[in-house]
Amino acid sequence: MKLHDLRPAPGSTTKKRRVGRGIAAGQGKTAGRGTKGQKARAGGSIPAWFEGGQTPLHQRIPKLRGFRNPFRIEYEVVNVGAIARLVEIGVLEGSEMPGTKKSKGVAPAPITVNQEILRAAGLVRSLDKPMKVLGNGDLSTALFVVADAVSGSARAKIEAAGGTVSILEIPTSRISALGVEMAAEDALAVSAEVEAPAPAAPADLAEATASAAEDAAPPADA
């Protein structure tokens, strides 16, 4: 077989239809374009998005407005009023310190509230997001609240009821593990201590003093 013997597979190619070559060819006169009209003219192609002159769809619909902060933090939101309702129905109860006894006239320990406890109580859906406590509602029970964020009104109500607030802080800088990595200044301090000469022992110090005294003494002949 030679190069000029190669042929395309049967049916894979078709001959180009020649239009406008007379009525005997079957596609003469108007060449399949019909009679008159925009599509019958040369250069009369219409874009696919053209709507006949009416207002196009991309101009009729409203455009995207506003701003979405890419650094926005999604919180699990809990109000102090919802926590107070759980305390009233007995879902949240305070626990005594081990080894202590109840005494009259002493206020009970505040009820500990964190994301895990509220998740078990059904007030928080997930533990994947940080929790924020808001100040909607009333509170009359002392609480020890541990959360990622607390609003100003919620903090005021919790502290007014005799409770306290603890914020979980995320470290902003890298913290090295013990024995794994040290800071640059710590490494320099350790290297300086290693390179510094060790202090002389008491016996060595006495010998060094005696030799210095002998060197300083005048010769006997003088």
N, C-alpha and C. Protein backbone atom coordinates (compact mmCIF):
# COMPACT_ATOMS: atom_id res chain seq x y z
N MET A 1 0.86 -1.20 0.00
CA MET A 1 0.00 0.00 0.00
C MET A 1 0.88 1.24 0.00
N LYS A 2 0.48 2.19 -0.78
CA LYS A 2 1.24 3.43 -0.85
C LYS A 2 0.38 4.58 -0.34
N LEU A 3 1.01 5.75 -0.19
CA LEU A 3 0.33 6.89 0.41
C LEU A 3 -0.87 7.32 -0.42
N HIS A 4 -0.75 7.21 -1.77
CA HIS A 4 -1.87 7.65 -2.60
C HIS A 4 -3.01 6.64 -2.63
N ASP A 5 -2.80 5.48 -1.98
CA ASP A 5 -3.88 4.49 -1.92
C ASP A 5 -4.78 4.67 -0.69
N LEU A 6 -4.39 5.57 0.22
CA LEU A 6 -5.20 5.77 1.43
C LEU A 6 -6.48 6.50 1.10
N ARG A 7 -7.57 6.01 1.63
CA ARG A 7 -8.90 6.60 1.42
C ARG A 7 -9.62 6.65 2.77
N PRO A 8 -10.46 7.66 2.99
CA PRO A 8 -11.25 7.68 4.23
C PRO A 8 -12.26 6.55 4.24
N ALA A 9 -12.70 6.20 5.44
CA ALA A 9 -13.66 5.11 5.58
C ALA A 9 -14.97 5.49 4.90
N PRO A 10 -15.68 4.56 4.34
CA PRO A 10 -16.95 4.87 3.65
C PRO A 10 -17.96 5.50 4.62
N GLY A 11 -18.53 6.62 4.21
CA GLY A 11 -19.53 7.31 5.03
C GLY A 11 -18.95 8.31 6.02
N SER A 12 -17.64 8.34 6.16
CA SER A 12 -17.05 9.26 7.13
C SER A 12 -16.95 10.68 6.60
N THR A 13 -16.94 10.86 5.32
CA THR A 13 -16.87 12.18 4.72
C THR A 13 -17.96 12.30 3.67
N THR A 14 -18.43 13.54 3.48
CA THR A 14 -19.44 13.83 2.46
C THR A 14 -18.94 14.98 1.60
N LYS A 15 -19.40 15.03 0.41
CA LYS A 15 -19.00 16.10 -0.49
C LYS A 15 -19.69 17.40 -0.11
N LYS A 16 -19.01 18.50 -0.31
CA LYS A 16 -19.56 19.80 -0.01
C LYS A 16 -20.70 20.12 -0.97
N ARG A 17 -21.81 20.62 -0.39
CA ARG A 17 -22.96 20.98 -1.23
C ARG A 17 -22.70 22.34 -1.87
N ARG A 18 -22.79 22.37 -3.19
CA ARG A 18 -22.56 23.60 -3.94
C ARG A 18 -23.91 24.26 -4.21
N VAL A 19 -24.11 25.44 -3.65
CA VAL A 19 -25.39 26.14 -3.78
C VAL A 19 -25.20 27.33 -4.71
N GLY A 20 -26.35 27.80 -5.23
CA GLY A 20 -26.32 28.97 -6.10
C GLY A 20 -25.73 28.69 -7.46
N ARG A 21 -25.92 27.47 -7.98
CA ARG A 21 -25.35 27.12 -9.27
C ARG A 21 -26.44 26.76 -10.29
N GLY A 22 -27.60 27.38 -10.11
CA GLY A 22 -28.68 27.15 -11.07
C GLY A 22 -29.74 26.22 -10.50
N ILE A 23 -30.96 26.37 -11.09
CA ILE A 23 -32.09 25.58 -10.56
C ILE A 23 -31.93 24.10 -10.87
N ALA A 24 -31.16 23.74 -11.82
CA ALA A 24 -30.99 22.32 -12.15
C ALA A 24 -30.21 21.59 -11.07
N ALA A 25 -29.39 22.32 -10.29
CA ALA A 25 -28.58 21.68 -9.25
C ALA A 25 -29.38 21.40 -7.99
N GLY A 26 -30.60 21.95 -7.91
CA GLY A 26 -31.42 21.72 -6.73
C GLY A 26 -31.25 22.76 -5.64
N GLN A 27 -30.16 23.49 -5.62
CA GLN A 27 -29.93 24.54 -4.61
C GLN A 27 -29.56 25.84 -5.30
N GLY A 28 -30.24 26.16 -6.40
CA GLY A 28 -29.95 27.38 -7.14
C GLY A 28 -30.85 28.52 -6.66
N LYS A 29 -30.81 29.61 -7.37
CA LYS A 29 -31.58 30.82 -7.07
C LYS A 29 -31.36 31.31 -5.65
N THR A 30 -32.21 30.98 -4.69
CA THR A 30 -32.07 31.50 -3.33
C THR A 30 -31.08 30.67 -2.51
N ALA A 31 -30.57 29.57 -3.04
CA ALA A 31 -29.53 28.76 -2.41
C ALA A 31 -29.93 28.25 -1.03
N GLY A 32 -31.21 27.93 -0.85
CA GLY A 32 -31.67 27.35 0.41
C GLY A 32 -31.90 28.36 1.51
N ARG A 33 -31.80 29.68 1.21
CA ARG A 33 -31.98 30.69 2.25
C ARG A 33 -33.41 31.19 2.35
N GLY A 34 -34.30 30.74 1.49
CA GLY A 34 -35.66 31.25 1.51
C GLY A 34 -35.77 32.54 0.71
N THR A 35 -36.90 33.24 0.88
CA THR A 35 -37.15 34.46 0.12
C THR A 35 -37.06 35.67 1.04
N LYS A 36 -36.14 36.53 0.75
CA LYS A 36 -35.95 37.79 1.47
C LYS A 36 -35.75 37.56 2.98
N GLY A 37 -35.73 38.64 3.70
CA GLY A 37 -35.53 38.54 5.15
C GLY A 37 -34.07 38.73 5.53
N GLN A 38 -33.86 38.88 6.83
CA GLN A 38 -32.50 39.15 7.32
C GLN A 38 -31.56 37.99 7.06
N LYS A 39 -32.07 36.78 7.19
CA LYS A 39 -31.21 35.61 7.02
C LYS A 39 -30.89 35.32 5.56
N ALA A 40 -31.61 35.98 4.66
CA ALA A 40 -31.34 35.76 3.24
C ALA A 40 -30.22 36.65 2.73
N ARG A 41 -29.81 37.64 3.50
CA ARG A 41 -28.80 38.58 3.03
C ARG A 41 -27.41 38.09 3.40
N ALA A 42 -26.45 38.58 2.67
CA ALA A 42 -25.05 38.27 2.97
C ALA A 42 -24.66 38.95 4.28
N GLY A 43 -23.99 38.22 5.13
CA GLY A 43 -23.59 38.77 6.43
C GLY A 43 -24.73 38.90 7.40
N GLY A 44 -25.83 38.26 7.16
CA GLY A 44 -27.00 38.39 8.03
C GLY A 44 -27.05 37.35 9.14
N SER A 45 -25.92 37.01 9.71
CA SER A 45 -25.91 36.06 10.82
C SER A 45 -26.41 36.74 12.09
N ILE A 46 -27.17 36.02 12.91
CA ILE A 46 -27.76 36.55 14.14
C ILE A 46 -27.14 35.82 15.33
N PRO A 47 -26.65 36.55 16.30
CA PRO A 47 -26.07 35.88 17.47
C PRO A 47 -27.11 35.04 18.21
N ALA A 48 -26.66 34.02 18.90
CA ALA A 48 -27.57 33.14 19.62
C ALA A 48 -28.28 33.86 20.74
N TRP A 49 -27.67 34.92 21.30
CA TRP A 49 -28.30 35.64 22.42
C TRP A 49 -29.17 36.80 21.98
N PHE A 50 -29.30 37.00 20.67
CA PHE A 50 -30.13 38.11 20.17
C PHE A 50 -31.61 37.77 20.34
N GLU A 51 -32.39 38.73 20.88
CA GLU A 51 -33.80 38.49 21.21
C GLU A 51 -34.72 39.38 20.39
N GLY A 52 -34.31 39.73 19.17
CA GLY A 52 -35.19 40.48 18.29
C GLY A 52 -35.29 41.95 18.60
N GLY A 53 -34.44 42.46 19.43
CA GLY A 53 -34.47 43.89 19.76
C GLY A 53 -35.04 44.19 21.13
N GLN A 54 -35.73 43.23 21.75
CA GLN A 54 -36.24 43.49 23.10
C GLN A 54 -35.07 43.48 24.10
N THR A 55 -35.36 43.93 25.31
CA THR A 55 -34.31 43.99 26.33
C THR A 55 -33.77 42.59 26.61
N PRO A 56 -32.49 42.37 26.43
CA PRO A 56 -31.94 41.03 26.61
C PRO A 56 -32.09 40.54 28.05
N LEU A 57 -31.98 39.24 28.20
CA LEU A 57 -32.15 38.63 29.53
C LEU A 57 -31.08 39.11 30.50
N HIS A 58 -29.86 39.27 30.03
CA HIS A 58 -28.79 39.66 30.95
C HIS A 58 -28.94 41.10 31.41
N GLN A 59 -29.81 41.89 30.78
CA GLN A 59 -30.10 43.24 31.24
C GLN A 59 -31.37 43.30 32.08
N ARG A 60 -32.23 42.29 31.96
CA ARG A 60 -33.49 42.30 32.72
C ARG A 60 -33.31 41.80 34.15
N ILE A 61 -32.41 40.87 34.38
CA ILE A 61 -32.27 40.29 35.70
C ILE A 61 -31.44 41.21 36.60
N PRO A 62 -31.69 41.18 37.92
CA PRO A 62 -30.88 42.02 38.83
C PRO A 62 -29.46 41.48 38.94
N LYS A 63 -28.56 42.40 39.18
CA LYS A 63 -27.15 42.03 39.28
C LYS A 63 -26.77 41.74 40.73
N LEU A 64 -25.63 41.09 40.90
CA LEU A 64 -25.14 40.76 42.23
C LEU A 64 -24.73 42.04 42.95
N ARG A 65 -25.30 42.22 44.14
CA ARG A 65 -25.02 43.42 44.92
C ARG A 65 -24.49 43.02 46.29
N GLY A 66 -23.85 43.96 46.94
CA GLY A 66 -23.37 43.74 48.29
C GLY A 66 -21.96 43.18 48.31
N PHE A 67 -21.56 42.74 49.52
CA PHE A 67 -20.20 42.26 49.74
C PHE A 67 -20.25 41.10 50.72
N ARG A 68 -19.51 40.05 50.43
CA ARG A 68 -19.42 38.90 51.32
C ARG A 68 -18.00 38.80 51.85
N ASN A 69 -17.87 38.92 53.13
CA ASN A 69 -16.55 38.92 53.76
C ASN A 69 -15.98 37.50 53.74
N PRO A 70 -14.85 37.28 53.07
CA PRO A 70 -14.29 35.93 53.04
C PRO A 70 -13.73 35.48 54.38
N PHE A 71 -13.49 36.43 55.31
CA PHE A 71 -12.93 36.10 56.62
C PHE A 71 -14.00 36.05 57.72
N ARG A 72 -15.27 36.01 57.33
CA ARG A 72 -16.35 35.96 58.31
C ARG A 72 -16.35 34.62 59.04
N ILE A 73 -16.57 34.65 60.34
CA ILE A 73 -16.57 33.45 61.16
C ILE A 73 -18.02 33.03 61.43
N GLU A 74 -18.33 31.79 61.11
CA GLU A 74 -19.67 31.24 61.36
C GLU A 74 -19.70 30.67 62.78
N TYR A 75 -20.57 31.25 63.62
CA TYR A 75 -20.68 30.83 65.01
C TYR A 75 -21.92 29.97 65.23
N GLU A 76 -21.83 29.10 66.23
CA GLU A 76 -23.01 28.47 66.80
C GLU A 76 -23.52 29.44 67.88
N VAL A 77 -24.70 30.02 67.65
CA VAL A 77 -25.21 31.10 68.50
C VAL A 77 -26.13 30.53 69.57
N VAL A 78 -25.91 30.96 70.82
CA VAL A 78 -26.74 30.56 71.95
C VAL A 78 -27.05 31.80 72.76
N ASN A 79 -28.30 31.97 73.16
CA ASN A 79 -28.71 33.11 73.98
C ASN A 79 -28.77 32.69 75.45
N VAL A 80 -28.55 33.67 76.33
CA VAL A 80 -28.58 33.38 77.76
C VAL A 80 -29.98 32.98 78.21
N GLY A 81 -31.00 33.47 77.51
CA GLY A 81 -32.36 33.08 77.86
C GLY A 81 -32.61 31.60 77.62
N ALA A 82 -32.05 31.06 76.54
CA ALA A 82 -32.20 29.63 76.27
C ALA A 82 -31.47 28.79 77.31
N ILE A 83 -30.31 29.25 77.75
CA ILE A 83 -29.59 28.53 78.81
C ILE A 83 -30.37 28.58 80.11
N ALA A 84 -30.97 29.74 80.41
CA ALA A 84 -31.77 29.86 81.63
C ALA A 84 -32.96 28.92 81.62
N ARG A 85 -33.58 28.72 80.47
CA ARG A 85 -34.72 27.78 80.40
C ARG A 85 -34.27 26.34 80.67
N LEU A 86 -33.08 25.96 80.19
CA LEU A 86 -32.57 24.62 80.50
C LEU A 86 -32.30 24.45 81.98
N VAL A 87 -31.85 25.53 82.63
CA VAL A 87 -31.63 25.46 84.07
C VAL A 87 -32.95 25.33 84.81
N GLU A 88 -33.98 26.03 84.36
CA GLU A 88 -35.27 25.99 85.04
C GLU A 88 -35.92 24.61 84.96
N ILE A 89 -35.79 23.94 83.83
CA ILE A 89 -36.42 22.62 83.69
C ILE A 89 -35.53 21.50 84.23
N GLY A 90 -34.35 21.84 84.70
CA GLY A 90 -33.49 20.85 85.34
C GLY A 90 -32.56 20.11 84.42
N VAL A 91 -32.42 20.55 83.18
CA VAL A 91 -31.48 19.88 82.26
C VAL A 91 -30.05 20.18 82.65
N LEU A 92 -29.79 21.41 83.06
CA LEU A 92 -28.46 21.81 83.51
C LEU A 92 -28.49 21.96 85.01
N GLU A 93 -27.62 21.23 85.68
CA GLU A 93 -27.55 21.28 87.14
C GLU A 93 -26.10 21.49 87.55
N GLY A 94 -25.93 22.18 88.67
CA GLY A 94 -24.60 22.41 89.19
C GLY A 94 -24.04 21.18 89.87
N SER A 95 -22.74 21.00 89.81
CA SER A 95 -22.07 19.87 90.45
C SER A 95 -21.17 20.38 91.56
N GLU A 96 -21.14 19.68 92.69
CA GLU A 96 -20.33 20.08 93.82
C GLU A 96 -18.90 19.57 93.65
N MET A 97 -17.99 20.27 94.25
CA MET A 97 -16.60 19.84 94.23
C MET A 97 -16.45 18.60 95.07
N PRO A 98 -15.65 17.62 94.65
CA PRO A 98 -15.48 16.41 95.45
C PRO A 98 -14.79 16.72 96.78
N GLY A 99 -15.32 16.10 97.85
CA GLY A 99 -14.75 16.29 99.18
C GLY A 99 -15.33 17.45 99.94
N THR A 100 -16.29 18.17 99.34
CA THR A 100 -16.91 19.30 100.03
C THR A 100 -18.28 18.90 100.55
N LYS A 101 -18.75 19.60 101.55
CA LYS A 101 -20.05 19.33 102.14
C LYS A 101 -20.94 20.56 101.99
N LYS A 102 -22.23 20.30 101.95
CA LYS A 102 -23.17 21.41 101.85
C LYS A 102 -23.18 22.18 103.16
N SER A 103 -23.17 23.47 103.07
CA SER A 103 -23.21 24.32 104.26
C SER A 103 -24.27 25.39 104.04
N LYS A 104 -24.97 25.71 105.12
CA LYS A 104 -26.03 26.70 105.01
C LYS A 104 -25.43 28.10 104.87
N GLY A 105 -26.10 28.92 104.11
CA GLY A 105 -25.67 30.29 103.93
C GLY A 105 -24.58 30.47 102.90
N VAL A 106 -24.11 29.38 102.29
CA VAL A 106 -23.08 29.48 101.28
C VAL A 106 -23.71 29.30 99.90
N ALA A 107 -23.42 30.19 98.99
CA ALA A 107 -24.00 30.11 97.66
C ALA A 107 -23.48 28.87 96.93
N PRO A 108 -24.34 28.18 96.19
CA PRO A 108 -23.88 26.99 95.46
C PRO A 108 -22.91 27.36 94.35
N ALA A 109 -22.14 26.37 93.93
CA ALA A 109 -21.17 26.60 92.87
C ALA A 109 -21.89 26.92 91.57
N PRO A 110 -21.35 27.79 90.74
CA PRO A 110 -22.01 28.11 89.47
C PRO A 110 -22.06 26.91 88.54
N ILE A 111 -23.06 26.90 87.70
CA ILE A 111 -23.26 25.81 86.75
C ILE A 111 -22.31 26.01 85.57
N THR A 112 -21.56 24.98 85.25
CA THR A 112 -20.63 25.06 84.13
C THR A 112 -21.37 24.87 82.82
N VAL A 113 -21.11 25.77 81.88
CA VAL A 113 -21.76 25.72 80.57
C VAL A 113 -20.68 25.85 79.51
N ASN A 114 -20.57 24.84 78.65
CA ASN A 114 -19.66 24.91 77.51
C ASN A 114 -20.35 24.30 76.30
N GLN A 115 -19.65 24.24 75.20
CA GLN A 115 -20.27 23.79 73.95
C GLN A 115 -20.62 22.31 74.01
N GLU A 116 -19.80 21.48 74.66
CA GLU A 116 -20.09 20.05 74.74
C GLU A 116 -21.34 19.80 75.57
N ILE A 117 -21.49 20.52 76.67
CA ILE A 117 -22.67 20.34 77.53
C ILE A 117 -23.93 20.77 76.79
N LEU A 118 -23.86 21.91 76.10
CA LEU A 118 -25.03 22.38 75.37
C LEU A 118 -25.33 21.49 74.17
N ARG A 119 -24.32 20.87 73.59
CA ARG A 119 -24.56 19.91 72.50
C ARG A 119 -25.30 18.68 73.03
N ALA A 120 -24.91 18.20 74.20
CA ALA A 120 -25.62 17.06 74.80
C ALA A 120 -27.04 17.43 75.19
N ALA A 121 -27.27 18.70 75.55
CA ALA A 121 -28.62 19.14 75.91
C ALA A 121 -29.48 19.46 74.70
N GLY A 122 -28.89 19.48 73.49
CA GLY A 122 -29.65 19.73 72.28
C GLY A 122 -29.78 21.19 71.92
N LEU A 123 -29.03 22.05 72.60
CA LEU A 123 -29.13 23.49 72.31
C LEU A 123 -28.14 23.92 71.24
N VAL A 124 -27.12 23.12 71.00
CA VAL A 124 -26.11 23.39 69.98
C VAL A 124 -26.12 22.23 69.00
N ARG A 125 -26.10 22.53 67.73
CA ARG A 125 -26.19 21.49 66.71
C ARG A 125 -24.88 20.77 66.47
N SER A 126 -23.78 21.53 66.44
CA SER A 126 -22.53 20.94 66.02
C SER A 126 -21.40 21.46 66.89
N LEU A 127 -20.31 20.69 66.93
CA LEU A 127 -19.10 21.09 67.62
C LEU A 127 -18.02 21.57 66.65
N ASP A 128 -18.34 21.59 65.36
CA ASP A 128 -17.37 21.97 64.35
C ASP A 128 -17.17 23.48 64.27
N LYS A 129 -18.20 24.26 64.70
CA LYS A 129 -18.11 25.70 64.65
C LYS A 129 -17.86 26.26 66.05
N PRO A 130 -17.22 27.41 66.15
CA PRO A 130 -17.07 28.04 67.47
C PRO A 130 -18.41 28.53 68.00
N MET A 131 -18.53 28.61 69.31
CA MET A 131 -19.79 29.01 69.93
C MET A 131 -19.70 30.44 70.45
N LYS A 132 -20.79 31.17 70.24
CA LYS A 132 -20.88 32.54 70.74
C LYS A 132 -22.16 32.68 71.56
N VAL A 133 -22.04 33.31 72.71
CA VAL A 133 -23.18 33.51 73.61
C VAL A 133 -23.67 34.94 73.44
N LEU A 134 -24.97 35.08 73.19
CA LEU A 134 -25.61 36.39 73.02
C LEU A 134 -26.49 36.69 74.22
N GLY A 135 -26.89 37.95 74.35
CA GLY A 135 -27.58 38.40 75.56
C GLY A 135 -29.08 38.49 75.47
N ASN A 136 -29.72 37.76 74.56
CA ASN A 136 -31.18 37.81 74.46
C ASN A 136 -31.80 36.96 75.56
N GLY A 137 -32.67 37.53 76.36
CA GLY A 137 -33.32 36.80 77.44
C GLY A 137 -32.81 37.25 78.80
N ASP A 138 -33.43 36.67 79.83
CA ASP A 138 -33.08 37.01 81.21
C ASP A 138 -32.38 35.83 81.87
N LEU A 139 -31.53 36.15 82.85
CA LEU A 139 -30.76 35.13 83.55
C LEU A 139 -30.68 35.50 85.02
N SER A 140 -30.95 34.51 85.87
CA SER A 140 -30.89 34.74 87.32
C SER A 140 -30.06 33.69 88.03
N THR A 141 -29.42 32.78 87.30
CA THR A 141 -28.62 31.71 87.88
C THR A 141 -27.15 31.97 87.59
N ALA A 142 -26.32 31.69 88.58
CA ALA A 142 -24.88 31.87 88.39
C ALA A 142 -24.35 30.79 87.46
N LEU A 143 -23.66 31.22 86.43
CA LEU A 143 -23.12 30.30 85.43
C LEU A 143 -21.62 30.53 85.27
N PHE A 144 -20.92 29.45 84.97
CA PHE A 144 -19.52 29.55 84.56
C PHE A 144 -19.49 29.18 83.08
N VAL A 145 -19.44 30.20 82.23
CA VAL A 145 -19.60 30.02 80.79
C VAL A 145 -18.22 29.97 80.14
N VAL A 146 -17.99 28.92 79.36
CA VAL A 146 -16.77 28.77 78.57
C VAL A 146 -17.18 28.77 77.11
N ALA A 147 -16.78 29.78 76.38
CA ALA A 147 -17.19 29.92 74.98
C ALA A 147 -16.07 30.57 74.19
N ASP A 148 -16.24 30.54 72.86
CA ASP A 148 -15.26 31.16 71.97
C ASP A 148 -15.46 32.67 71.87
N ALA A 149 -16.70 33.13 72.05
CA ALA A 149 -16.98 34.56 72.00
C ALA A 149 -18.24 34.83 72.82
N VAL A 150 -18.30 36.00 73.44
CA VAL A 150 -19.44 36.41 74.26
C VAL A 150 -19.71 37.88 73.97
N SER A 151 -20.98 38.21 73.74
CA SER A 151 -21.33 39.60 73.48
C SER A 151 -21.27 40.39 74.78
N GLY A 152 -21.24 41.71 74.64
CA GLY A 152 -21.16 42.56 75.82
C GLY A 152 -22.37 42.45 76.72
N SER A 153 -23.57 42.40 76.12
CA SER A 153 -24.79 42.28 76.93
C SER A 153 -24.86 40.94 77.64
N ALA A 154 -24.40 39.86 76.97
CA ALA A 154 -24.41 38.55 77.61
C ALA A 154 -23.44 38.51 78.77
N ARG A 155 -22.27 39.10 78.61
CA ARG A 155 -21.30 39.13 79.71
C ARG A 155 -21.85 39.90 80.90
N ALA A 156 -22.52 41.02 80.62
CA ALA A 156 -23.09 41.82 81.71
C ALA A 156 -24.15 41.04 82.47
N LYS A 157 -25.01 40.31 81.78
CA LYS A 157 -26.07 39.55 82.46
C LYS A 157 -25.50 38.38 83.24
N ILE A 158 -24.49 37.72 82.69
CA ILE A 158 -23.90 36.58 83.39
C ILE A 158 -23.20 37.04 84.66
N GLU A 159 -22.45 38.13 84.58
CA GLU A 159 -21.76 38.63 85.76
C GLU A 159 -22.72 39.24 86.77
N ALA A 160 -23.83 39.83 86.29
CA ALA A 160 -24.83 40.36 87.21
C ALA A 160 -25.52 39.26 88.00
N ALA A 161 -25.63 38.07 87.42
CA ALA A 161 -26.24 36.94 88.11
C ALA A 161 -25.25 36.20 89.01
N GLY A 162 -24.01 36.68 89.09
CA GLY A 162 -23.02 36.05 89.95
C GLY A 162 -22.14 35.04 89.25
N GLY A 163 -22.18 34.99 87.93
CA GLY A 163 -21.38 34.04 87.18
C GLY A 163 -20.12 34.66 86.61
N THR A 164 -19.37 33.86 85.91
CA THR A 164 -18.13 34.31 85.29
C THR A 164 -18.08 33.81 83.85
N VAL A 165 -17.22 34.44 83.06
CA VAL A 165 -17.07 34.11 81.65
C VAL A 165 -15.61 33.81 81.37
N SER A 166 -15.36 32.73 80.63
CA SER A 166 -14.01 32.36 80.21
C SER A 166 -14.01 32.23 78.70
N ILE A 167 -13.13 32.98 78.05
CA ILE A 167 -13.04 32.97 76.59
C ILE A 167 -11.92 32.03 76.16
N LEU A 168 -12.24 31.15 75.23
CA LEU A 168 -11.24 30.25 74.68
C LEU A 168 -10.42 31.02 73.65
N GLU A 169 -9.16 31.22 73.94
CA GLU A 169 -8.29 31.99 73.07
C GLU A 169 -7.49 31.05 72.18
N ILE A 170 -7.46 31.36 70.89
CA ILE A 170 -6.68 30.60 69.92
C ILE A 170 -5.32 31.27 69.77
N PRO A 171 -4.22 30.55 69.95
CA PRO A 171 -2.90 31.20 69.82
C PRO A 171 -2.67 31.73 68.42
N THR A 172 -2.18 32.96 68.36
CA THR A 172 -1.92 33.59 67.05
C THR A 172 -0.51 33.32 66.55
N SER A 173 0.39 32.86 67.42
CA SER A 173 1.75 32.55 67.01
C SER A 173 2.04 31.08 67.26
N ARG A 174 3.10 30.59 66.63
CA ARG A 174 3.45 29.19 66.74
C ARG A 174 4.02 28.89 68.11
N ILE A 175 3.55 27.82 68.73
CA ILE A 175 4.03 27.40 70.04
C ILE A 175 4.78 26.09 69.86
N SER A 176 6.03 26.07 70.27
CA SER A 176 6.84 24.87 70.09
C SER A 176 6.59 23.89 71.23
N ALA A 177 6.61 22.62 70.89
CA ALA A 177 6.45 21.58 71.89
C ALA A 177 7.73 21.44 72.70
N LEU A 178 7.59 20.91 73.90
CA LEU A 178 8.75 20.75 74.77
C LEU A 178 9.71 19.74 74.17
N GLY A 179 10.97 20.13 74.04
CA GLY A 179 11.99 19.23 73.54
C GLY A 179 11.97 19.04 72.04
N VAL A 180 11.12 19.78 71.33
CA VAL A 180 11.04 19.61 69.88
C VAL A 180 11.64 20.80 69.15
N GLU A 181 11.25 21.97 69.55
CA GLU A 181 11.70 23.17 68.85
C GLU A 181 11.79 24.31 69.84
N MET A 182 12.82 25.13 69.76
CA MET A 182 13.00 26.26 70.64
C MET A 182 13.02 27.54 69.83
N ALA A 183 12.70 28.61 70.52
CA ALA A 183 12.76 29.92 69.86
C ALA A 183 14.20 30.29 69.59
N ALA A 184 14.38 31.28 68.72
CA ALA A 184 15.74 31.66 68.32
C ALA A 184 16.54 32.19 69.50
N GLU A 185 15.92 33.06 70.34
CA GLU A 185 16.66 33.62 71.46
C GLU A 185 17.01 32.54 72.50
N ASP A 186 16.11 31.57 72.68
CA ASP A 186 16.42 30.48 73.61
C ASP A 186 17.58 29.65 73.08
N ALA A 187 17.60 29.38 71.78
CA ALA A 187 18.69 28.60 71.21
C ALA A 187 20.03 29.34 71.34
N LEU A 188 20.02 30.66 71.16
CA LEU A 188 21.25 31.43 71.32
C LEU A 188 21.74 31.42 72.76
N ALA A 189 20.78 31.51 73.71
CA ALA A 189 21.16 31.49 75.11
C ALA A 189 21.79 30.17 75.50
N VAL A 190 21.23 29.07 74.99
CA VAL A 190 21.77 27.75 75.30
C VAL A 190 23.16 27.59 74.70
N SER A 191 23.34 28.04 73.45
CA SER A 191 24.65 27.92 72.82
C SER A 191 25.69 28.77 73.53
N ALA A 192 25.29 29.94 74.06
CA ALA A 192 26.23 30.79 74.80
C ALA A 192 26.66 30.11 76.10
N GLU A 193 25.73 29.44 76.76
CA GLU A 193 26.07 28.74 77.98
C GLU A 193 27.02 27.57 77.70
N VAL A 194 26.81 26.90 76.56
CA VAL A 194 27.67 25.78 76.23
C VAL A 194 29.09 26.25 75.91
N GLU A 195 29.21 27.38 75.19
CA GLU A 195 30.52 27.87 74.78
C GLU A 195 31.26 28.56 75.92
N ALA A 196 30.59 29.06 76.96
CA ALA A 196 31.25 29.77 78.04
C ALA A 196 32.12 28.81 78.83
N PRO A 197 33.32 29.23 79.25
CA PRO A 197 34.21 28.33 80.03
C PRO A 197 33.61 28.03 81.40
N ALA A 198 33.86 26.83 81.86
CA ALA A 198 33.33 26.42 83.16
C ALA A 198 34.09 27.11 84.26
N PRO A 199 33.45 27.47 85.37
CA PRO A 199 34.16 28.14 86.49
C PRO A 199 35.20 27.22 87.10
N ALA A 200 36.28 27.79 87.57
CA ALA A 200 37.37 27.01 88.14
C ALA A 200 36.96 26.41 89.47
N ALA A 201 37.45 25.21 89.74
CA ALA A 201 37.17 24.56 91.01
C ALA A 201 37.93 25.27 92.12
N PRO A 202 37.54 25.10 93.38
CA PRO A 202 38.25 25.78 94.48
C PRO A 202 39.72 25.43 94.54
N ALA A 203 40.10 24.13 94.34
CA ALA A 203 41.52 23.74 94.37
C ALA A 203 42.29 24.41 93.25
N ASP A 204 41.69 24.42 92.06
CA ASP A 204 42.35 25.07 90.93
C ASP A 204 42.52 26.56 91.18
N LEU A 205 41.51 27.18 91.81
CA LEU A 205 41.58 28.61 92.10
C LEU A 205 42.71 28.91 93.09
N ALA A 206 42.91 28.04 94.09
CA ALA A 206 43.98 28.25 95.07
C ALA A 206 45.33 28.14 94.40
N GLU A 207 45.50 27.14 93.52
CA GLU A 207 46.76 26.98 92.82
C GLU A 207 47.06 28.17 91.92
N ALA A 208 46.03 28.66 91.24
CA ALA A 208 46.22 29.82 90.36
C ALA A 208 46.62 31.05 91.17
N THR A 209 46.04 31.23 92.38
CA THR A 209 46.41 32.38 93.24
C THR A 209 47.84 32.28 93.73
N ALA A 210 48.25 31.05 94.11
CA ALA A 210 49.62 30.86 94.60
C ALA A 210 50.64 31.14 93.49
N SER A 211 50.38 30.64 92.30
CA SER A 211 51.31 30.88 91.19
C SER A 211 51.38 32.35 90.84
N ALA A 212 50.29 33.07 90.94
CA ALA A 212 50.30 34.50 90.66
C ALA A 212 51.10 35.24 91.71
N ALA A 213 51.04 34.80 92.98
CA ALA A 213 51.80 35.46 94.05
C ALA A 213 53.29 35.23 93.87
N GLU A 214 53.69 34.03 93.45
CA GLU A 214 55.11 33.75 93.21
C GLU A 214 55.66 34.59 92.06
N ASP A 215 54.85 34.76 91.02
CA ASP A 215 55.31 35.58 89.90
C ASP A 215 55.47 37.04 90.31
N ALA A 216 54.62 37.51 91.19
CA ALA A 216 54.68 38.91 91.59
C ALA A 216 55.77 39.18 92.61
N ALA A 217 56.28 38.18 93.35
CA ALA A 217 57.31 38.39 94.37
C ALA A 217 58.62 38.80 93.72
N PRO A 218 59.42 39.71 94.32
CA PRO A 218 60.73 40.14 93.74
C PRO A 218 61.77 39.03 93.87
N PRO A 219 62.77 39.00 93.06
CA PRO A 219 63.83 37.97 93.15
C PRO A 219 64.65 38.12 94.41
N ALA A 220 65.23 37.03 94.92
CA ALA A 220 65.99 37.06 96.18
C ALA A 220 67.27 37.84 96.04
N ASP A 221 67.93 37.82 94.90
CA ASP A 221 69.20 38.54 94.69
C ASP A 221 69.02 40.04 94.81
N ALA A 222 67.81 40.53 94.43
CA ALA A 222 67.57 41.94 94.49
C ALA A 222 67.53 42.41 95.93
